[in-house]
């Protein structure tokens, strides 16, 4: 499990996201070579692989991505996935 990063240190989160994309994203390119803002859907991410990526993210970060974040835009890029993970890991648990 990866914890929320210290402010300004997103490297562990990015490494985990790239690893998850490489394993579950079914991308046509190496996830390590992608830019933070590259469109993941243009390089092969599908709705099915998005679900697999989401489940792997939840396992890796010990989070539950809320229904309000289950949008294509959330999984559009490494940067958008990072923002979602940081938002969820930084939020206090709901009662």
PDB file of N, CA and C in Angstrom:
ATOM      1  N   UNK A   1       0.839  -1.177   0.000  1.00  0.00           N
ATOM      2  CA  UNK A   1       0.000   0.000   0.000  1.00  0.00           C
ATOM      3  C   UNK A   1       0.879   1.234   0.000  1.00  0.00           C
ATOM      4  N   UNK A   2       0.511   2.225  -0.788  1.00  0.00           N
ATOM      5  CA  UNK A   2       1.229   3.489  -0.871  1.00  0.00           C
ATOM      6  C   UNK A   2       0.409   4.537  -0.155  1.00  0.00           C
ATOM      7  N   UNK A   3       1.038   5.294   0.691  1.00  0.00           N
ATOM      8  CA  UNK A   3       0.344   6.360   1.432  1.00  0.00           C
ATOM      9  C   UNK A   3       0.314   7.647   0.610  1.00  0.00           C
ATOM     10  N   UNK A   4      -0.527   8.588   1.041  1.00  0.00           N
ATOM     11  CA  UNK A   4      -0.592   9.898   0.397  1.00  0.00           C
ATOM     12  C   UNK A   4       0.779  10.548   0.481  1.00  0.00           C
ATOM     13  N   UNK A   5       1.212  11.194  -0.601  1.00  0.00           N
ATOM     14  CA  UNK A   5       2.544  11.781  -0.607  1.00  0.00           C
ATOM     15  C   UNK A   5       2.613  13.055   0.209  1.00  0.00           C
ATOM     16  N   UNK A   6       3.826  13.369   0.640  1.00  0.00           N
ATOM     17  CA  UNK A   6       4.054  14.667   1.265  1.00  0.00           C
ATOM     18  C   UNK A   6       3.861  15.720   0.184  1.00  0.00           C
ATOM     19  N   UNK A   7       3.440  16.922   0.544  1.00  0.00           N
ATOM     20  CA  UNK A   7       3.248  17.966  -0.460  1.00  0.00           C
ATOM     21  C   UNK A   7       4.499  18.117  -1.326  1.00  0.00           C
ATOM     22  N   UNK A   8       4.304  18.137  -2.637  1.00  0.00           N
ATOM     23  CA  UNK A   8       5.405  18.294  -3.567  1.00  0.00           C
ATOM     24  C   UNK A   8       6.146  17.018  -3.901  1.00  0.00           C
ATOM     25  N   UNK A   9       5.814  15.891  -3.256  1.00  0.00           N
ATOM     26  CA  UNK A   9       6.497  14.633  -3.530  1.00  0.00           C
ATOM     27  C   UNK A   9       5.493  13.600  -4.029  1.00  0.00           C
ATOM     28  N   UNK A  10       5.260  13.607  -5.332  1.00  0.00           N
ATOM     29  CA  UNK A  10       4.289  12.689  -5.913  1.00  0.00           C
ATOM     30  C   UNK A  10       4.961  11.497  -6.588  1.00  0.00           C
ATOM     31  N   UNK A  11       6.268  11.415  -6.492  1.00  0.00           N
ATOM     32  CA  UNK A  11       6.996  10.349  -7.190  1.00  0.00           C
ATOM     33  C   UNK A  11       6.502   8.937  -6.840  1.00  0.00           C
ATOM     34  N   UNK A  12       6.343   8.594  -5.539  1.00  0.00           N
ATOM     35  CA  UNK A  12       5.858   7.231  -5.245  1.00  0.00           C
ATOM     36  C   UNK A  12       4.475   6.967  -5.836  1.00  0.00           C
ATOM     37  N   UNK A  13       3.622   7.966  -5.839  1.00  0.00           N
ATOM     38  CA  UNK A  13       2.282   7.820  -6.403  1.00  0.00           C
ATOM     39  C   UNK A  13       2.385   7.604  -7.910  1.00  0.00           C
ATOM     40  N   UNK A  14       3.184   8.427  -8.576  1.00  0.00           N
ATOM     41  CA  UNK A  14       3.351   8.293 -10.024  1.00  0.00           C
ATOM     42  C   UNK A  14       3.921   6.930 -10.404  1.00  0.00           C
ATOM     43  N   UNK A  15       4.902   6.471  -9.658  1.00  0.00           N
ATOM     44  CA  UNK A  15       5.498   5.161  -9.947  1.00  0.00           C
ATOM     45  C   UNK A  15       4.461   4.048  -9.804  1.00  0.00           C
ATOM     46  N   UNK A  16       3.643   4.132  -8.779  1.00  0.00           N
ATOM     47  CA  UNK A  16       2.591   3.135  -8.585  1.00  0.00           C
ATOM     48  C   UNK A  16       1.554   3.198  -9.696  1.00  0.00           C
ATOM     49  N   UNK A  17       1.160   4.405 -10.084  1.00  0.00           N
ATOM     50  CA  UNK A  17       0.176   4.570 -11.159  1.00  0.00           C
ATOM     51  C   UNK A  17       0.724   3.998 -12.460  1.00  0.00           C
ATOM     52  N   UNK A  18       1.966   4.315 -12.780  1.00  0.00           N
ATOM     53  CA  UNK A  18       2.563   3.810 -14.023  1.00  0.00           C
ATOM     54  C   UNK A  18       2.662   2.279 -14.005  1.00  0.00           C
ATOM     55  N   UNK A  19       3.002   1.727 -12.851  1.00  0.00           N
ATOM     56  CA  UNK A  19       3.084   0.274 -12.721  1.00  0.00           C
ATOM     57  C   UNK A  19       1.708  -0.364 -12.926  1.00  0.00           C
ATOM     58  N   UNK A  20       0.695   0.221 -12.335  1.00  0.00           N
ATOM     59  CA  UNK A  20      -0.676  -0.281 -12.492  1.00  0.00           C
ATOM     60  C   UNK A  20      -1.123  -0.170 -13.948  1.00  0.00           C
ATOM     61  N   UNK A  21      -0.819   0.951 -14.589  1.00  0.00           N
ATOM     62  CA  UNK A  21      -1.187   1.108 -15.997  1.00  0.00           C
ATOM     63  C   UNK A  21      -0.479   0.075 -16.871  1.00  0.00           C
ATOM     64  N   UNK A  22       0.786  -0.186 -16.568  1.00  0.00           N
ATOM     65  CA  UNK A  22       1.537  -1.175 -17.345  1.00  0.00           C
ATOM     66  C   UNK A  22       0.929  -2.566 -17.200  1.00  0.00           C
ATOM     67  N   UNK A  23       0.480  -2.886 -15.998  1.00  0.00           N
ATOM     68  CA  UNK A  23      -0.052  -4.221 -15.738  1.00  0.00           C
ATOM     69  C   UNK A  23      -1.518  -4.383 -16.155  1.00  0.00           C
ATOM     70  N   UNK A  24      -2.321  -3.348 -15.978  1.00  0.00           N
ATOM     71  CA  UNK A  24      -3.766  -3.491 -16.165  1.00  0.00           C
ATOM     72  C   UNK A  24      -4.361  -2.632 -17.284  1.00  0.00           C
ATOM     73  N   UNK A  25      -3.583  -1.678 -17.806  1.00  0.00           N
ATOM     74  CA  UNK A  25      -4.143  -0.719 -18.755  1.00  0.00           C
ATOM     75  C   UNK A  25      -4.250  -1.180 -20.189  1.00  0.00           C
ATOM     76  N   UNK A  26      -3.528  -2.256 -20.536  1.00  0.00           N
ATOM     77  CA  UNK A  26      -3.535  -2.756 -21.917  1.00  0.00           C
ATOM     78  C   UNK A  26      -3.201  -1.648 -22.916  1.00  0.00           C
ATOM     79  N   UNK A  27      -2.205  -0.857 -22.584  1.00  0.00           N
ATOM     80  CA  UNK A  27      -1.810   0.268 -23.427  1.00  0.00           C
ATOM     81  C   UNK A  27      -0.926  -0.198 -24.570  1.00  0.00           C
ATOM     82  N   UNK A  28      -0.937   0.572 -25.649  1.00  0.00           N
ATOM     83  CA  UNK A  28      -0.122   0.246 -26.820  1.00  0.00           C
ATOM     84  C   UNK A  28       1.301   0.779 -26.700  1.00  0.00           C
ATOM     85  N   UNK A  29       1.585   1.513 -25.632  1.00  0.00           N
ATOM     86  CA  UNK A  29       2.914   2.065 -25.390  1.00  0.00           C
ATOM     87  C   UNK A  29       3.334   1.748 -23.958  1.00  0.00           C
ATOM     88  N   UNK A  30       4.612   1.856 -23.701  1.00  0.00           N
ATOM     89  CA  UNK A  30       5.152   1.640 -22.362  1.00  0.00           C
ATOM     90  C   UNK A  30       4.691   2.775 -21.446  1.00  0.00           C
ATOM     91  N   UNK A  31       4.050   2.442 -20.356  1.00  0.00           N
ATOM     92  CA  UNK A  31       3.539   3.455 -19.425  1.00  0.00           C
ATOM     93  C   UNK A  31       4.647   4.346 -18.887  1.00  0.00           C
ATOM     94  N   UNK A  32       5.862   3.827 -18.793  1.00  0.00           N
ATOM     95  CA  UNK A  32       6.993   4.622 -18.292  1.00  0.00           C
ATOM     96  C   UNK A  32       7.354   5.743 -19.252  1.00  0.00           C
ATOM     97  N   UNK A  33       6.990   5.612 -20.517  1.00  0.00           N
ATOM     98  CA  UNK A  33       7.338   6.615 -21.523  1.00  0.00           C
ATOM     99  C   UNK A  33       6.268   7.693 -21.702  1.00  0.00           C
ATOM    100  N   UNK A  34       5.142   7.542 -21.035  1.00  0.00           N
ATOM    101  CA  UNK A  34       4.043   8.498 -21.184  1.00  0.00           C
ATOM    102  C   UNK A  34       4.304   9.779 -20.396  1.00  0.00           C
ATOM    103  N   UNK A  35       3.883  10.884 -20.965  1.00  0.00           N
ATOM    104  CA  UNK A  35       3.901  12.147 -20.243  1.00  0.00           C
ATOM    105  C   UNK A  35       2.738  12.195 -19.274  1.00  0.00           C
ATOM    106  N   UNK A  36       2.836  13.026 -18.272  1.00  0.00           N
ATOM    107  CA  UNK A  36       1.788  13.108 -17.251  1.00  0.00           C
ATOM    108  C   UNK A  36       0.424  13.464 -17.829  1.00  0.00           C
ATOM    109  N   UNK A  37       0.405  14.232 -18.901  1.00  0.00           N
ATOM    110  CA  UNK A  37      -0.862  14.690 -19.469  1.00  0.00           C
ATOM    111  C   UNK A  37      -1.263  13.973 -20.752  1.00  0.00           C
ATOM    112  N   UNK A  38      -0.517  12.926 -21.136  1.00  0.00           N
ATOM    113  CA  UNK A  38      -0.880  12.171 -22.336  1.00  0.00           C
ATOM    114  C   UNK A  38      -2.244  11.507 -22.144  1.00  0.00           C
ATOM    115  N   UNK A  39      -3.031  11.485 -23.211  1.00  0.00           N
ATOM    116  CA  UNK A  39      -4.373  10.903 -23.184  1.00  0.00           C
ATOM    117  C   UNK A  39      -4.258   9.381 -23.190  1.00  0.00           C
ATOM    118  N   UNK A  40      -4.620   8.764 -22.088  1.00  0.00           N
ATOM    119  CA  UNK A  40      -4.506   7.313 -21.957  1.00  0.00           C
ATOM    120  C   UNK A  40      -5.466   6.578 -22.888  1.00  0.00           C
ATOM    121  N   UNK A  41      -6.585   7.193 -23.207  1.00  0.00           N
ATOM    122  CA  UNK A  41      -7.541   6.555 -24.107  1.00  0.00           C
ATOM    123  C   UNK A  41      -7.013   6.523 -25.543  1.00  0.00           C
ATOM    124  N   UNK A  42      -6.173   7.460 -25.886  1.00  0.00           N
ATOM    125  CA  UNK A  42      -5.570   7.474 -27.228  1.00  0.00           C
ATOM    126  C   UNK A  42      -4.494   6.407 -27.379  1.00  0.00           C
ATOM    127  N   UNK A  43      -3.976   5.910 -26.253  1.00  0.00           N
ATOM    128  CA  UNK A  43      -2.935   4.872 -26.318  1.00  0.00           C
ATOM    129  C   UNK A  43      -3.465   3.509 -25.868  1.00  0.00           C
ATOM    130  N   UNK A  44      -4.782   3.351 -25.919  1.00  0.00           N
ATOM    131  CA  UNK A  44      -5.345   2.029 -25.747  1.00  0.00           C
ATOM    132  C   UNK A  44      -6.186   1.746 -24.521  1.00  0.00           C
ATOM    133  N   UNK A  45      -6.286   2.672 -23.578  1.00  0.00           N
ATOM    134  CA  UNK A  45      -7.125   2.425 -22.408  1.00  0.00           C
ATOM    135  C   UNK A  45      -8.583   2.309 -22.863  1.00  0.00           C
ATOM    136  N   UNK A  46      -9.264   1.273 -22.412  1.00  0.00           N
ATOM    137  CA  UNK A  46     -10.671   1.049 -22.768  1.00  0.00           C
ATOM    138  C   UNK A  46     -11.512   1.132 -21.498  1.00  0.00           C
ATOM    139  N   UNK A  47     -12.818   1.069 -21.663  1.00  0.00           N
ATOM    140  CA  UNK A  47     -13.684   1.093 -20.477  1.00  0.00           C
ATOM    141  C   UNK A  47     -13.419  -0.127 -19.606  1.00  0.00           C
ATOM    142  N   UNK A  48     -13.195  -1.268 -20.224  1.00  0.00           N
ATOM    143  CA  UNK A  48     -12.907  -2.490 -19.460  1.00  0.00           C
ATOM    144  C   UNK A  48     -11.579  -2.367 -18.712  1.00  0.00           C
ATOM    145  N   UNK A  49     -10.541  -1.906 -19.391  1.00  0.00           N
ATOM    146  CA  UNK A  49      -9.256  -1.775 -18.707  1.00  0.00           C
ATOM    147  C   UNK A  49      -9.282  -0.661 -17.660  1.00  0.00           C
ATOM    148  N   UNK A  50     -10.140   0.336 -17.854  1.00  0.00           N
ATOM    149  CA  UNK A  50     -10.289   1.386 -16.849  1.00  0.00           C
ATOM    150  C   UNK A  50     -10.794   0.797 -15.535  1.00  0.00           C
ATOM    151  N   UNK A  51     -11.740  -0.123 -15.620  1.00  0.00           N
ATOM    152  CA  UNK A  51     -12.252  -0.778 -14.410  1.00  0.00           C
ATOM    153  C   UNK A  51     -11.130  -1.552 -13.718  1.00  0.00           C
ATOM    154  N   UNK A  52     -10.335  -2.265 -14.500  1.00  0.00           N
ATOM    155  CA  UNK A  52      -9.212  -3.001 -13.915  1.00  0.00           C
ATOM    156  C   UNK A  52      -8.197  -2.069 -13.265  1.00  0.00           C
ATOM    157  N   UNK A  53      -7.914  -0.938 -13.916  1.00  0.00           N
ATOM    158  CA  UNK A  53      -6.996   0.064 -13.353  1.00  0.00           C
ATOM    159  C   UNK A  53      -7.577   0.616 -12.054  1.00  0.00           C
ATOM    160  N   UNK A  54      -8.869   0.944 -12.063  1.00  0.00           N
ATOM    161  CA  UNK A  54      -9.509   1.486 -10.861  1.00  0.00           C
ATOM    162  C   UNK A  54      -9.402   0.505  -9.690  1.00  0.00           C
ATOM    163  N   UNK A  55      -9.703  -0.761  -9.945  1.00  0.00           N
ATOM    164  CA  UNK A  55      -9.631  -1.766  -8.876  1.00  0.00           C
ATOM    165  C   UNK A  55      -8.198  -1.919  -8.355  1.00  0.00           C
ATOM    166  N   UNK A  56      -7.229  -1.888  -9.248  1.00  0.00           N
ATOM    167  CA  UNK A  56      -5.826  -1.985  -8.835  1.00  0.00           C
ATOM    168  C   UNK A  56      -5.399  -0.755  -8.035  1.00  0.00           C
ATOM    169  N   UNK A  57      -5.873   0.416  -8.425  1.00  0.00           N
ATOM    170  CA  UNK A  57      -5.578   1.638  -7.661  1.00  0.00           C
ATOM    171  C   UNK A  57      -6.160   1.534  -6.254  1.00  0.00           C
ATOM    172  N   UNK A  58      -7.392   1.059  -6.165  1.00  0.00           N
ATOM    173  CA  UNK A  58      -8.027   0.922  -4.856  1.00  0.00           C
ATOM    174  C   UNK A  58      -7.247  -0.045  -3.970  1.00  0.00           C
ATOM    175  N   UNK A  59      -6.789  -1.140  -4.539  1.00  0.00           N
ATOM    176  CA  UNK A  59      -5.982  -2.096  -3.767  1.00  0.00           C
ATOM    177  C   UNK A  59      -4.644  -1.496  -3.356  1.00  0.00           C
ATOM    178  N   UNK A  60      -3.964  -0.875  -4.297  1.00  0.00           N
ATOM    179  CA  UNK A  60      -2.624  -0.338  -4.052  1.00  0.00           C
ATOM    180  C   UNK A  60      -2.632   0.745  -2.976  1.00  0.00           C
ATOM    181  N   UNK A  61      -3.592   1.657  -3.064  1.00  0.00           N
ATOM    182  CA  UNK A  61      -3.626   2.806  -2.157  1.00  0.00           C
ATOM    183  C   UNK A  61      -4.580   2.612  -0.984  1.00  0.00           C
ATOM    184  N   UNK A  62      -5.224   1.447  -0.906  1.00  0.00           N
ATOM    185  CA  UNK A  62      -6.177   1.145   0.155  1.00  0.00           C
ATOM    186  C   UNK A  62      -7.240   2.239   0.255  1.00  0.00           C
ATOM    187  N   UNK A  63      -7.867   2.496  -0.883  1.00  0.00           N
ATOM    188  CA  UNK A  63      -8.890   3.535  -0.980  1.00  0.00           C
ATOM    189  C   UNK A  63     -10.116   2.965  -1.675  1.00  0.00           C
ATOM    190  N   UNK A  64     -11.187   3.738  -1.635  1.00  0.00           N
ATOM    191  CA  UNK A  64     -12.350   3.460  -2.462  1.00  0.00           C
ATOM    192  C   UNK A  64     -12.629   4.729  -3.245  1.00  0.00           C
ATOM    193  N   UNK A  65     -12.553   4.619  -4.551  1.00  0.00           N
ATOM    194  CA  UNK A  65     -12.809   5.784  -5.390  1.00  0.00           C
ATOM    195  C   UNK A  65     -14.319   6.015  -5.381  1.00  0.00           C
ATOM    196  N   UNK A  66     -14.740   7.214  -4.958  1.00  0.00           N
ATOM    197  CA  UNK A  66     -16.183   7.475  -4.837  1.00  0.00           C
ATOM    198  C   UNK A  66     -16.866   7.537  -6.202  1.00  0.00           C
ATOM    199  N   UNK A  67     -18.150   7.242  -6.190  1.00  0.00           N
ATOM    200  CA  UNK A  67     -18.946   7.259  -7.416  1.00  0.00           C
ATOM    201  C   UNK A  67     -18.820   8.585  -8.160  1.00  0.00           C
ATOM    202  N   UNK A  68     -18.687   9.670  -7.429  1.00  0.00           N
ATOM    203  CA  UNK A  68     -18.603  10.983  -8.063  1.00  0.00           C
ATOM    204  C   UNK A  68     -17.345  11.138  -8.920  1.00  0.00           C
ATOM    205  N   UNK A  69     -16.345  10.292  -8.689  1.00  0.00           N
ATOM    206  CA  UNK A  69     -15.099  10.357  -9.464  1.00  0.00           C
ATOM    207  C   UNK A  69     -15.066   9.340 -10.597  1.00  0.00           C
ATOM    208  N   UNK A  70     -16.085   8.533 -10.723  1.00  0.00           N
ATOM    209  CA  UNK A  70     -16.101   7.495 -11.750  1.00  0.00           C
ATOM    210  C   UNK A  70     -16.548   8.101 -13.077  1.00  0.00           C
ATOM    211  N   UNK A  71     -15.612   8.868 -13.649  1.00  0.00           N
ATOM    212  CA  UNK A  71     -15.833   9.536 -14.935  1.00  0.00           C
ATOM    213  C   UNK A  71     -14.614   9.291 -15.810  1.00  0.00           C
ATOM    214  N   UNK A  72     -14.817   9.360 -17.090  1.00  0.00           N
ATOM    215  CA  UNK A  72     -13.716   9.181 -18.035  1.00  0.00           C
ATOM    216  C   UNK A  72     -12.588  10.166 -17.737  1.00  0.00           C
ATOM    217  N   UNK A  73     -12.918  11.382 -17.399  1.00  0.00           N
ATOM    218  CA  UNK A  73     -11.904  12.417 -17.149  1.00  0.00           C
ATOM    219  C   UNK A  73     -10.969  12.044 -15.998  1.00  0.00           C
ATOM    220  N   UNK A  74     -11.461  11.304 -15.020  1.00  0.00           N
ATOM    221  CA  UNK A  74     -10.637  10.906 -13.883  1.00  0.00           C
ATOM    222  C   UNK A  74      -9.484  10.014 -14.327  1.00  0.00           C
ATOM    223  N   UNK A  75      -9.703   9.219 -15.370  1.00  0.00           N
ATOM    224  CA  UNK A  75      -8.714   8.242 -15.832  1.00  0.00           C
ATOM    225  C   UNK A  75      -8.075   8.643 -17.162  1.00  0.00           C
ATOM    226  N   UNK A  76      -8.262   9.885 -17.561  1.00  0.00           N
ATOM    227  CA  UNK A  76      -7.794  10.389 -18.861  1.00  0.00           C
ATOM    228  C   UNK A  76      -6.271  10.435 -18.967  1.00  0.00           C
ATOM    229  N   UNK A  77      -5.597  10.705 -17.863  1.00  0.00           N
ATOM    230  CA  UNK A  77      -4.141  10.872 -17.890  1.00  0.00           C
ATOM    231  C   UNK A  77      -3.548  10.462 -16.550  1.00  0.00           C
ATOM    232  N   UNK A  78      -2.246  10.336 -16.536  1.00  0.00           N
ATOM    233  CA  UNK A  78      -1.563  10.050 -15.274  1.00  0.00           C
ATOM    234  C   UNK A  78      -1.797  11.189 -14.294  1.00  0.00           C
ATOM    235  N   UNK A  79      -1.759  12.412 -14.785  1.00  0.00           N
ATOM    236  CA  UNK A  79      -1.980  13.576 -13.913  1.00  0.00           C
ATOM    237  C   UNK A  79      -3.371  13.554 -13.294  1.00  0.00           C
ATOM    238  N   UNK A  80      -4.394  13.184 -14.075  1.00  0.00           N
ATOM    239  CA  UNK A  80      -5.760  13.173 -13.527  1.00  0.00           C
ATOM    240  C   UNK A  80      -5.946  12.020 -12.542  1.00  0.00           C
ATOM    241  N   UNK A  81      -5.310  10.882 -12.817  1.00  0.00           N
ATOM    242  CA  UNK A  81      -5.368   9.765 -11.863  1.00  0.00           C
ATOM    243  C   UNK A  81      -4.655  10.161 -10.577  1.00  0.00           C
ATOM    244  N   UNK A  82      -3.477  10.779 -10.699  1.00  0.00           N
ATOM    245  CA  UNK A  82      -2.737  11.234  -9.513  1.00  0.00           C
ATOM    246  C   UNK A  82      -3.583  12.185  -8.679  1.00  0.00           C
ATOM    247  N   UNK A  83      -4.223  13.152  -9.324  1.00  0.00           N
ATOM    248  CA  UNK A  83      -5.051  14.123  -8.605  1.00  0.00           C
ATOM    249  C   UNK A  83      -6.175  13.412  -7.852  1.00  0.00           C
ATOM    250  N   UNK A  84      -6.791  12.429  -8.483  1.00  0.00           N
ATOM    251  CA  UNK A  84      -7.875  11.692  -7.830  1.00  0.00           C
ATOM    252  C   UNK A  84      -7.354  10.900  -6.639  1.00  0.00           C
ATOM    253  N   UNK A  85      -6.230  10.209  -6.811  1.00  0.00           N
ATOM    254  CA  UNK A  85      -5.655   9.421  -5.714  1.00  0.00           C
ATOM    255  C   UNK A  85      -5.288  10.325  -4.547  1.00  0.00           C
ATOM    256  N   UNK A  86      -4.657  11.452  -4.840  1.00  0.00           N
ATOM    257  CA  UNK A  86      -4.262  12.367  -3.760  1.00  0.00           C
ATOM    258  C   UNK A  86      -5.506  12.931  -3.069  1.00  0.00           C
ATOM    259  N   UNK A  87      -6.525  13.261  -3.840  1.00  0.00           N
ATOM    260  CA  UNK A  87      -7.758  13.777  -3.233  1.00  0.00           C
ATOM    261  C   UNK A  87      -8.383  12.744  -2.299  1.00  0.00           C
ATOM    262  N   UNK A  88      -8.475  11.501  -2.757  1.00  0.00           N
ATOM    263  CA  UNK A  88      -9.108  10.468  -1.943  1.00  0.00           C
ATOM    264  C   UNK A  88      -8.250  10.126  -0.718  1.00  0.00           C
ATOM    265  N   UNK A  89      -6.936  10.015  -0.897  1.00  0.00           N
ATOM    266  CA  UNK A  89      -6.073   9.659   0.232  1.00  0.00           C
ATOM    267  C   UNK A  89      -5.924  10.798   1.230  1.00  0.00           C
ATOM    268  N   UNK A  90      -6.186  12.017   0.790  1.00  0.00           N
ATOM    269  CA  UNK A  90      -6.071  13.176   1.684  1.00  0.00           C
ATOM    270  C   UNK A  90      -7.370  13.487   2.411  1.00  0.00           C
ATOM    271  N   UNK A  91      -8.461  12.903   1.934  1.00  0.00           N
ATOM    272  CA  UNK A  91      -9.761  13.154   2.560  1.00  0.00           C
ATOM    273  C   UNK A  91      -9.912  12.331   3.817  1.00  0.00           C
ATOM    274  N   UNK A  92     -10.532  12.918   4.853  1.00  0.00           N
ATOM    275  CA  UNK A  92     -10.793  12.122   6.047  1.00  0.00           C
ATOM    276  C   UNK A  92     -11.810  11.033   5.737  1.00  0.00           C
ATOM    277  N   UNK A  93     -11.682   9.883   6.369  1.00  0.00           N
ATOM    278  CA  UNK A  93     -12.659   8.797   6.109  1.00  0.00           C
ATOM    279  C   UNK A  93     -14.051   9.232   6.487  1.00  0.00           C
ATOM    280  N   UNK A  94     -15.019   8.808   5.673  1.00  0.00           N
ATOM    281  CA  UNK A  94     -16.408   9.140   5.995  1.00  0.00           C
ATOM    282  C   UNK A  94     -16.927   8.185   7.042  1.00  0.00           C
ATOM    283  N   UNK A  95     -17.795   8.704   7.855  1.00  0.00           N
ATOM    284  CA  UNK A  95     -18.336   7.905   8.975  1.00  0.00           C
ATOM    285  C   UNK A  95     -19.432   7.000   8.538  1.00  0.00           C
TER     286      UNK A  95
END
